[in-house]
Amino acid sequence: MNSNLFRYIFSFIFLILLQSFVLNNVQLSGYLNPYLYILFILSLPFDISKYALLLLSFLLGLCVDIFLGTTGVHASASVFMAFFRPFILRVIAPREGYDTTTRPRLQDMGVKWFIIYAFTLTLLHHLFLFYTEVFRFSHFFTTLGRSISSTLFTFILILISQLFIFKKADSKS
């Protein structure tokens, strides 16, 4: 339990710092904004309580908001994503259910499951984030384009990070 706790604490801090100091500077005309910090929410265990999930998501988003100087959009988008996570997990659950010893990773759950899981939640997060940031529908299609392009870019980064984890686990075997 302690090793998992330290792993999650390290992941929380690392993803916030990576987002704040590196990824926040990666932009292409405002259309590609990678938000890899959501990988923390995606990687939380299946059996985490809903309250802990929402609280951790809020704290993660709040920390990103503090570092980026935004006014709560990341906190609200993170909570929005965390709110829908249990529903998405139920919809894509395997017939035999989730094994509590596995984690929601590419390595443990398989490629198809992970793609559906990560892409859906990333898209929900980005749609909420960008529409909350703009807070008007006059630029509906521009904002939709930003959301989709950033979702694809973030999703590719999430897959790359999972492949590094997958490769690392294979080399230990």
C-alpha atoms as a PDB file:
ATOM      1  CA  MET A   1       0.000   0.000   0.000  1.00  0.00           C
ATOM      2  CA  ASN A   2       2.785   2.412   0.916  1.00  0.00           C
ATOM      3  CA  SER A   3       4.600   1.885  -2.384  1.00  0.00           C
ATOM      4  CA  ASN A   4       1.370   2.616  -4.263  1.00  0.00           C
ATOM      5  CA  LEU A   5       0.749   5.710  -2.150  1.00  0.00           C
ATOM      6  CA  PHE A   6       4.244   7.034  -2.870  1.00  0.00           C
ATOM      7  CA  ARG A   7       3.802   6.211  -6.567  1.00  0.00           C
ATOM      8  CA  TYR A   8       0.570   8.225  -6.698  1.00  0.00           C
ATOM      9  CA  ILE A   9       2.066  11.144  -4.769  1.00  0.00           C
ATOM     10  CA  PHE A  10       5.082  11.183  -7.100  1.00  0.00           C
ATOM     11  CA  SER A  11       2.810  10.936 -10.143  1.00  0.00           C
ATOM     12  CA  PHE A  12       0.630  13.793  -8.856  1.00  0.00           C
ATOM     13  CA  ILE A  13       3.592  16.111  -8.303  1.00  0.00           C
ATOM     14  CA  PHE A  14       5.444  15.071 -11.462  1.00  0.00           C
ATOM     15  CA  LEU A  15       2.437  15.583 -13.743  1.00  0.00           C
ATOM     16  CA  ILE A  16       1.665  19.006 -12.255  1.00  0.00           C
ATOM     17  CA  LEU A  17       5.265  20.156 -12.705  1.00  0.00           C
ATOM     18  CA  LEU A  18       5.482  18.678 -16.213  1.00  0.00           C
ATOM     19  CA  GLN A  19       2.242  20.389 -17.169  1.00  0.00           C
ATOM     20  CA  SER A  20       3.191  23.717 -15.640  1.00  0.00           C
ATOM     21  CA  PHE A  21       6.766  24.075 -16.791  1.00  0.00           C
ATOM     22  CA  VAL A  22       6.946  22.094 -20.037  1.00  0.00           C
ATOM     23  CA  LEU A  23       3.620  21.259 -21.636  1.00  0.00           C
ATOM     24  CA  ASN A  24       2.029  24.633 -20.979  1.00  0.00           C
ATOM     25  CA  ASN A  25       4.623  26.100 -23.356  1.00  0.00           C
ATOM     26  CA  VAL A  26       3.640  23.714 -26.176  1.00  0.00           C
ATOM     27  CA  GLN A  27       0.982  25.404 -28.301  1.00  0.00           C
ATOM     28  CA  LEU A  28       0.290  25.645 -31.988  1.00  0.00           C
ATOM     29  CA  SER A  29      -1.826  28.745 -32.644  1.00  0.00           C
ATOM     30  CA  GLY A  30      -3.993  27.848 -29.657  1.00  0.00           C
ATOM     31  CA  TYR A  31      -5.188  24.637 -31.325  1.00  0.00           C
ATOM     32  CA  LEU A  32      -2.846  22.112 -29.751  1.00  0.00           C
ATOM     33  CA  ASN A  33      -2.709  22.379 -25.994  1.00  0.00           C
ATOM     34  CA  PRO A  34      -1.596  19.125 -24.352  1.00  0.00           C
ATOM     35  CA  TYR A  35      -2.997  18.525 -20.885  1.00  0.00           C
ATOM     36  CA  LEU A  36      -1.188  15.393 -19.756  1.00  0.00           C
ATOM     37  CA  TYR A  37      -1.959  16.013 -16.074  1.00  0.00           C
ATOM     38  CA  ILE A  38      -5.265  14.173 -16.568  1.00  0.00           C
ATOM     39  CA  LEU A  39      -3.218  10.956 -16.776  1.00  0.00           C
ATOM     40  CA  PHE A  40      -3.272  11.009 -12.970  1.00  0.00           C
ATOM     41  CA  ILE A  41      -7.076  10.739 -12.919  1.00  0.00           C
ATOM     42  CA  LEU A  42      -7.003   8.062 -15.598  1.00  0.00           C
ATOM     43  CA  SER A  43      -4.501   5.966 -13.646  1.00  0.00           C
ATOM     44  CA  LEU A  44      -6.292   5.949 -10.290  1.00  0.00           C
ATOM     45  CA  PRO A  45      -7.376   2.469  -9.160  1.00  0.00           C
ATOM     46  CA  PHE A  46     -10.752   1.009 -10.063  1.00  0.00           C
ATOM     47  CA  ASP A  47     -11.858   0.678  -6.444  1.00  0.00           C
ATOM     48  CA  ILE A  48     -11.206   4.277  -5.372  1.00  0.00           C
ATOM     49  CA  SER A  49     -14.210   5.829  -3.664  1.00  0.00           C
ATOM     50  CA  LYS A  50     -16.180   8.417  -5.614  1.00  0.00           C
ATOM     51  CA  TYR A  51     -15.521  11.063  -2.982  1.00  0.00           C
ATOM     52  CA  ALA A  52     -11.766  10.454  -2.993  1.00  0.00           C
ATOM     53  CA  LEU A  53     -11.770  10.514  -6.804  1.00  0.00           C
ATOM     54  CA  LEU A  54     -13.580  13.853  -6.902  1.00  0.00           C
ATOM     55  CA  LEU A  55     -11.404  15.344  -4.154  1.00  0.00           C
ATOM     56  CA  LEU A  56      -8.132  14.255  -5.774  1.00  0.00           C
ATOM     57  CA  SER A  57      -9.324  15.501  -9.150  1.00  0.00           C
ATOM     58  CA  PHE A  58     -10.249  18.852  -7.657  1.00  0.00           C
ATOM     59  CA  LEU A  59      -6.856  19.159  -5.941  1.00  0.00           C
ATOM     60  CA  LEU A  60      -5.062  18.220  -9.152  1.00  0.00           C
ATOM     61  CA  GLY A  61      -6.982  20.772 -11.195  1.00  0.00           C
ATOM     62  CA  LEU A  62      -6.578  23.411  -8.492  1.00  0.00           C
ATOM     63  CA  CYS A  63      -2.803  22.921  -8.437  1.00  0.00           C
ATOM     64  CA  VAL A  64      -2.674  23.260 -12.224  1.00  0.00           C
ATOM     65  CA  ASP A  65      -4.854  26.387 -11.984  1.00  0.00           C
ATOM     66  CA  ILE A  66      -2.510  27.882  -9.402  1.00  0.00           C
ATOM     67  CA  PHE A  67       0.585  27.218 -11.506  1.00  0.00           C
ATOM     68  CA  LEU A  68      -1.016  28.419 -14.746  1.00  0.00           C
ATOM     69  CA  GLY A  69      -2.806  31.405 -13.229  1.00  0.00           C
ATOM     70  CA  THR A  70      -6.201  30.299 -14.476  1.00  0.00           C
ATOM     71  CA  THR A  71      -9.421  30.834 -12.570  1.00  0.00           C
ATOM     72  CA  GLY A  72     -10.640  27.356 -11.777  1.00  0.00           C
ATOM     73  CA  VAL A  73     -11.224  26.003 -15.284  1.00  0.00           C
ATOM     74  CA  HIS A  74      -8.824  23.100 -14.793  1.00  0.00           C
ATOM     75  CA  ALA A  75     -10.298  22.254 -11.395  1.00  0.00           C
ATOM     76  CA  SER A  76     -13.823  22.218 -12.782  1.00  0.00           C
ATOM     77  CA  ALA A  77     -12.818  20.231 -15.886  1.00  0.00           C
ATOM     78  CA  SER A  78     -10.955  17.701 -13.735  1.00  0.00           C
ATOM     79  CA  VAL A  79     -13.955  17.252 -11.442  1.00  0.00           C
ATOM     80  CA  PHE A  80     -16.214  16.930 -14.504  1.00  0.00           C
ATOM     81  CA  MET A  81     -13.962  14.201 -15.866  1.00  0.00           C
ATOM     82  CA  ALA A  82     -13.821  12.421 -12.502  1.00  0.00           C
ATOM     83  CA  PHE A  83     -17.602  12.607 -12.178  1.00  0.00           C
ATOM     84  CA  PHE A  84     -18.046  10.699 -15.455  1.00  0.00           C
ATOM     85  CA  ARG A  85     -15.208   8.209 -14.860  1.00  0.00           C
ATOM     86  CA  PRO A  86     -17.282   5.651 -12.880  1.00  0.00           C
ATOM     87  CA  PHE A  87     -20.018   5.761 -15.536  1.00  0.00           C
ATOM     88  CA  ILE A  88     -17.528   5.196 -18.357  1.00  0.00           C
ATOM     89  CA  LEU A  89     -15.922   2.367 -16.378  1.00  0.00           C
ATOM     90  CA  ARG A  90     -19.337   0.699 -15.960  1.00  0.00           C
ATOM     91  CA  VAL A  91     -20.153   1.055 -19.655  1.00  0.00           C
ATOM     92  CA  ILE A  92     -16.893  -0.516 -20.844  1.00  0.00           C
ATOM     93  CA  ALA A  93     -16.517  -3.056 -18.027  1.00  0.00           C
ATOM     94  CA  PRO A  94     -15.470  -6.571 -18.989  1.00  0.00           C
ATOM     95  CA  ARG A  95     -18.092  -9.285 -18.467  1.00  0.00           C
ATOM     96  CA  GLU A  96     -16.293 -10.674 -15.429  1.00  0.00           C
ATOM     97  CA  GLY A  97     -15.894  -7.186 -13.948  1.00  0.00           C
ATOM     98  CA  TYR A  98     -12.730  -5.461 -12.857  1.00  0.00           C
ATOM     99  CA  ASP A  99     -10.042  -7.228 -10.889  1.00  0.00           C
ATOM    100  CA  THR A 100      -8.998  -5.003  -8.004  1.00  0.00           C
ATOM    101  CA  THR A 101      -5.360  -6.045  -8.458  1.00  0.00           C
ATOM    102  CA  THR A 102      -5.225  -4.556 -11.950  1.00  0.00           C
ATOM    103  CA  ARG A 103      -4.984  -0.894 -12.764  1.00  0.00           C
ATOM    104  CA  PRO A 104      -6.553   1.065 -15.630  1.00  0.00           C
ATOM    105  CA  ARG A 105      -3.467   0.877 -17.820  1.00  0.00           C
ATOM    106  CA  LEU A 106      -2.788  -0.230 -21.351  1.00  0.00           C
ATOM    107  CA  GLN A 107      -0.679  -3.085 -20.033  1.00  0.00           C
ATOM    108  CA  ASP A 108      -3.339  -4.469 -17.704  1.00  0.00           C
ATOM    109  CA  MET A 109      -6.562  -3.869 -19.628  1.00  0.00           C
ATOM    110  CA  GLY A 110      -5.562  -4.160 -23.277  1.00  0.00           C
ATOM    111  CA  VAL A 111      -5.356  -1.772 -26.192  1.00  0.00           C
ATOM    112  CA  LYS A 112      -9.030  -1.584 -27.213  1.00  0.00           C
ATOM    113  CA  TRP A 113     -10.306  -1.055 -23.670  1.00  0.00           C
ATOM    114  CA  PHE A 114      -7.674   1.566 -22.896  1.00  0.00           C
ATOM    115  CA  ILE A 115      -8.268   3.510 -26.096  1.00  0.00           C
ATOM    116  CA  ILE A 116     -12.006   3.734 -25.428  1.00  0.00           C
ATOM    117  CA  TYR A 117     -11.461   4.616 -21.767  1.00  0.00           C
ATOM    118  CA  ALA A 118      -8.724   7.222 -22.173  1.00  0.00           C
ATOM    119  CA  PHE A 119     -10.037   8.838 -25.350  1.00  0.00           C
ATOM    120  CA  THR A 120     -13.590   9.233 -24.025  1.00  0.00           C
ATOM    121  CA  LEU A 121     -12.520  10.794 -20.738  1.00  0.00           C
ATOM    122  CA  THR A 122      -9.909  13.003 -22.418  1.00  0.00           C
ATOM    123  CA  LEU A 123     -12.508  14.260 -24.884  1.00  0.00           C
ATOM    124  CA  LEU A 124     -14.989  14.998 -22.078  1.00  0.00           C
ATOM    125  CA  HIS A 125     -12.306  16.870 -20.132  1.00  0.00           C
ATOM    126  CA  HIS A 126     -11.185  18.947 -23.103  1.00  0.00           C
ATOM    127  CA  LEU A 127     -14.689  19.813 -24.286  1.00  0.00           C
ATOM    128  CA  PHE A 128     -15.622  21.017 -20.809  1.00  0.00           C
ATOM    129  CA  LEU A 129     -12.307  22.841 -20.351  1.00  0.00           C
ATOM    130  CA  PHE A 130     -12.354  24.760 -23.626  1.00  0.00           C
ATOM    131  CA  TYR A 131     -16.047  25.631 -23.583  1.00  0.00           C
ATOM    132  CA  THR A 132     -15.773  26.797 -19.965  1.00  0.00           C
ATOM    133  CA  GLU A 133     -12.708  28.834 -20.852  1.00  0.00           C
ATOM    134  CA  VAL A 134     -14.469  30.568 -23.777  1.00  0.00           C
ATOM    135  CA  PHE A 135     -17.867  30.611 -22.023  1.00  0.00           C
ATOM    136  CA  ARG A 136     -19.861  31.475 -25.111  1.00  0.00           C
ATOM    137  CA  PHE A 137     -21.161  29.682 -28.150  1.00  0.00           C
ATOM    138  CA  SER A 138     -20.302  32.384 -30.684  1.00  0.00           C
ATOM    139  CA  HIS A 139     -17.063  30.520 -31.453  1.00  0.00           C
ATOM    140  CA  PHE A 140     -18.664  27.082 -31.270  1.00  0.00           C
ATOM    141  CA  PHE A 141     -16.793  25.462 -34.165  1.00  0.00           C
ATOM    142  CA  THR A 142     -13.472  27.092 -33.357  1.00  0.00           C
ATOM    143  CA  THR A 143     -13.709  25.834 -29.798  1.00  0.00           C
ATOM    144  CA  LEU A 144     -14.801  22.404 -31.002  1.00  0.00           C
ATOM    145  CA  GLY A 145     -11.756  22.295 -33.292  1.00  0.00           C
ATOM    146  CA  ARG A 146      -9.466  23.282 -30.426  1.00  0.00           C
ATOM    147  CA  SER A 147     -11.047  20.633 -28.206  1.00  0.00           C
ATOM    148  CA  ILE A 148     -10.711  17.830 -30.728  1.00  0.00           C
ATOM    149  CA  SER A 149      -7.167  18.685 -31.831  1.00  0.00           C
ATOM    150  CA  SER A 150      -5.992  19.044 -28.222  1.00  0.00           C
ATOM    151  CA  THR A 151      -7.751  15.801 -27.317  1.00  0.00           C
ATOM    152  CA  LEU A 152      -5.933  13.955 -30.087  1.00  0.00           C
ATOM    153  CA  PHE A 153      -2.584  15.449 -29.113  1.00  0.00           C
ATOM    154  CA  THR A 154      -3.080  14.728 -25.409  1.00  0.00           C
ATOM    155  CA  PHE A 155      -4.308  11.217 -26.205  1.00  0.00           C
ATOM    156  CA  ILE A 156      -1.176  10.527 -28.266  1.00  0.00           C
ATOM    157  CA  LEU A 157       0.967  11.679 -25.335  1.00  0.00           C
ATOM    158  CA  ILE A 158      -1.031   9.418 -22.994  1.00  0.00           C
ATOM    159  CA  LEU A 159      -0.484   6.443 -25.322  1.00  0.00           C
ATOM    160  CA  ILE A 160       3.236   7.200 -25.555  1.00  0.00           C
ATOM    161  CA  SER A 161       3.485   7.368 -21.765  1.00  0.00           C
ATOM    162  CA  GLN A 162       1.644   4.044 -21.497  1.00  0.00           C
ATOM    163  CA  LEU A 163       3.990   2.454 -24.032  1.00  0.00           C
ATOM    164  CA  PHE A 164       6.982   3.551 -21.957  1.00  0.00           C
ATOM    165  CA  ILE A 165       5.390   2.036 -18.869  1.00  0.00           C
ATOM    166  CA  PHE A 166       4.511  -1.110 -20.846  1.00  0.00           C
ATOM    167  CA  LYS A 167       8.042  -1.437 -22.206  1.00  0.00           C
ATOM    168  CA  LYS A 168       9.522  -0.877 -18.747  1.00  0.00           C
ATOM    169  CA  ALA A 169       7.316  -3.618 -17.265  1.00  0.00           C
ATOM    170  CA  ASP A 170       8.281  -6.036 -20.063  1.00  0.00           C
ATOM    171  CA  SER A 171      11.994  -5.490 -19.526  1.00  0.00           C
ATOM    172  CA  LYS A 172      11.641  -6.349 -15.813  1.00  0.00           C
ATOM    173  CA  SER A 173      10.098  -9.745 -16.599  1.00  0.00           C
END
